Protein backbone atom coordinates (compact mmCIF):
# COMPACT_ATOMS: atom_id res chain seq x y z
CA MET A 1 132.93 76.61 68.15
CA PHE A 2 130.90 78.84 65.84
CA TYR A 3 129.92 82.30 67.02
CA VAL A 4 127.12 84.65 66.07
CA TYR A 5 127.89 88.11 67.36
CA ILE A 6 126.50 91.61 67.53
CA LEU A 7 128.87 94.56 67.53
CA GLU A 8 127.99 98.08 68.61
CA SER A 9 129.80 101.13 67.31
CA GLU A 10 131.44 103.29 69.98
CA SER A 11 131.60 106.26 67.62
CA CYS A 12 127.97 106.05 66.45
CA LEU A 13 125.86 104.76 69.34
CA GLY A 14 122.89 102.74 68.23
CA LYS A 15 124.68 101.39 65.14
CA PHE A 16 124.95 97.59 65.22
CA TYR A 17 126.51 94.90 63.07
CA THR A 18 125.64 91.18 63.15
CA GLY A 19 128.10 88.55 61.98
CA PHE A 20 129.43 84.98 62.15
CA THR A 21 132.92 83.68 62.90
CA THR A 22 134.93 80.85 64.38
CA ASP A 23 137.42 83.21 66.06
CA LEU A 24 135.70 86.06 67.86
CA LYS A 25 138.78 87.97 69.08
CA THR A 26 140.47 87.96 65.68
CA ARG A 27 137.25 88.95 63.91
CA LEU A 28 136.74 91.94 66.24
CA LYS A 29 140.31 93.09 65.56
CA LYS A 30 139.67 92.79 61.82
CA HIS A 31 136.49 94.89 62.06
CA ASN A 32 138.38 97.56 64.00
CA ASN A 33 141.42 97.60 61.69
CA ASP A 34 139.85 97.26 58.24
CA THR A 35 139.61 100.40 56.16
CA SER A 36 137.00 99.16 53.69
CA GLY A 37 133.50 97.80 53.99
CA TYR A 38 130.51 98.67 56.13
CA THR A 39 132.19 98.42 59.53
CA ALA A 40 135.08 100.74 58.62
CA LYS A 41 132.82 103.80 58.74
CA PHE A 42 131.73 103.22 62.32
CA ARG A 43 134.94 102.11 64.08
CA PRO A 44 135.73 101.35 66.84
CA TRP A 45 133.41 98.43 67.60
CA ILE A 46 132.77 96.56 70.83
CA ILE A 47 131.12 93.18 71.27
CA SER A 48 127.61 93.81 72.52
CA TRP A 49 126.50 90.16 72.50
CA TYR A 50 127.55 86.77 71.21
CA CYS A 51 126.33 83.19 71.24
CA ALA A 52 128.42 80.06 70.73
CA PHE A 53 127.16 77.09 68.71
CA ASN A 54 128.76 73.69 68.28
CA ASN A 55 127.10 73.32 64.87
CA GLU A 56 127.93 75.63 61.96
CA LYS A 57 124.60 75.12 60.21
CA ASN A 58 122.62 76.27 63.27
CA ALA A 59 124.91 79.25 63.82
CA ARG A 60 124.53 80.42 60.23
CA LYS A 61 120.75 79.98 60.36
CA PHE A 62 120.57 82.05 63.55
CA GLU A 63 122.77 84.77 62.03
CA LEU A 64 120.46 84.97 59.01
CA TYR A 65 117.43 85.13 61.31
CA LEU A 66 118.94 88.04 63.25
CA LYS A 67 119.34 89.94 59.97
CA THR A 68 115.60 89.70 59.19
CA GLY A 69 112.96 92.14 60.38
CA SER A 70 111.76 89.82 63.13
CA GLY A 71 115.37 89.09 64.09
CA ARG A 72 116.09 92.81 64.50
CA ALA A 73 112.95 93.09 66.64
CA PHE A 74 114.24 90.16 68.72
CA ILE A 75 117.53 92.00 69.22
CA LYS A 76 115.74 95.16 70.35
CA ARG A 77 113.63 93.22 72.86
CA HIS A 78 116.27 90.93 74.29
CA ILE A 79 119.74 92.40 73.75
């Protein structure tokens, strides 16, 4: 499966991160253990929402959509 996910920072409420992975548990651990990159500043993270796709192309397209202005508005309305 291919997952599109939204993380929320526990240390900075209201801070979100959208990503793509094939292994959700491992990816969350990596976000919480990494010391470099965007997510390191706002650790720890929790999974706020995720969606599973059986097609990588569709998952990546949806991830890119969520990172647009209308995608962020969609997140605010529905998630």
